């Protein structure tokens, strides 16, 4: 569900095990690299293992890259 925000803040929110985690950037025009880095930081805040997140990102990247 999309919510409109009047400012130019980028927000990424995760609800996980009854907790709501949010990371905000001070601009909306994020790059793909910033998006992935922000997602990684959010996953770390949710206490996912770093190695598992990195491996999953590589797997998804490989799968998506192969289909284009």
Protein backbone atom coordinates (compact mmCIF):
# COMPACT_ATOMS: atom_id res chain seq x y z
CA UNK A 1 0.00 0.00 0.00
CA UNK A 2 1.47 3.33 -1.03
CA UNK A 3 1.29 6.38 1.18
CA UNK A 4 1.98 9.87 -0.11
CA UNK A 5 4.55 11.94 1.81
CA UNK A 6 4.74 15.69 1.20
CA UNK A 7 8.49 15.90 1.75
CA UNK A 8 11.34 14.49 -0.29
CA UNK A 9 12.32 11.74 2.09
CA UNK A 10 12.89 8.13 0.99
CA UNK A 11 11.59 5.67 3.56
CA UNK A 12 11.98 1.91 3.63
CA UNK A 13 10.00 0.13 6.35
CA UNK A 14 9.96 -3.49 7.47
CA UNK A 15 7.51 -5.03 9.92
CA UNK A 16 9.02 -8.20 11.31
CA UNK A 17 8.19 -10.19 14.47
CA UNK A 18 6.05 -7.39 15.86
CA UNK A 19 8.67 -4.69 15.31
CA UNK A 20 8.57 -1.88 12.79
CA UNK A 21 11.96 -0.88 11.44
CA UNK A 22 12.40 2.16 9.20
CA UNK A 23 15.35 3.74 7.45
CA UNK A 24 15.02 7.18 5.91
CA UNK A 25 17.17 9.02 3.40
CA UNK A 26 16.97 12.79 3.04
CA UNK A 27 16.18 12.60 -0.68
CA UNK A 28 13.71 10.71 -2.87
CA UNK A 29 15.80 10.29 -5.99
CA UNK A 30 17.73 7.28 -4.71
CA UNK A 31 19.99 5.28 -6.98
CA UNK A 32 19.75 1.53 -7.34
CA UNK A 33 22.93 1.22 -5.26
CA UNK A 34 21.42 3.34 -2.47
CA UNK A 35 18.26 1.23 -2.58
CA UNK A 36 20.21 -2.01 -2.19
CA UNK A 37 22.42 -0.53 0.56
CA UNK A 38 19.37 0.71 2.43
CA UNK A 39 17.70 -2.69 2.11
CA UNK A 40 20.88 -4.32 3.44
CA UNK A 41 20.96 -1.95 6.43
CA UNK A 42 17.31 -2.72 7.14
CA UNK A 43 18.01 -6.46 7.00
CA UNK A 44 20.90 -5.98 9.46
CA UNK A 45 18.61 -4.01 11.80
CA UNK A 46 16.17 -6.94 11.64
CA UNK A 47 19.06 -9.21 12.70
CA UNK A 48 19.30 -11.29 9.54
CA UNK A 49 22.76 -12.84 9.18
CA UNK A 50 24.95 -10.67 6.95
CA UNK A 51 26.32 -13.63 5.00
CA UNK A 52 22.82 -14.98 4.29
CA UNK A 53 21.60 -11.59 3.05
CA UNK A 54 24.64 -11.13 0.80
CA UNK A 55 24.28 -14.64 -0.61
CA UNK A 56 20.57 -14.06 -1.26
CA UNK A 57 21.30 -10.75 -3.01
CA UNK A 58 23.91 -12.44 -5.21
CA UNK A 59 21.49 -15.28 -6.02
CA UNK A 60 18.66 -12.91 -6.95
CA UNK A 61 21.06 -10.75 -8.94
CA UNK A 62 22.34 -13.75 -10.87
CA UNK A 63 18.80 -14.99 -11.53
CA UNK A 64 17.55 -11.59 -12.69
CA UNK A 65 20.66 -10.85 -14.74
CA UNK A 66 20.37 -14.16 -16.57
CA UNK A 67 16.79 -13.45 -17.63
CA UNK A 68 17.49 -10.07 -19.25
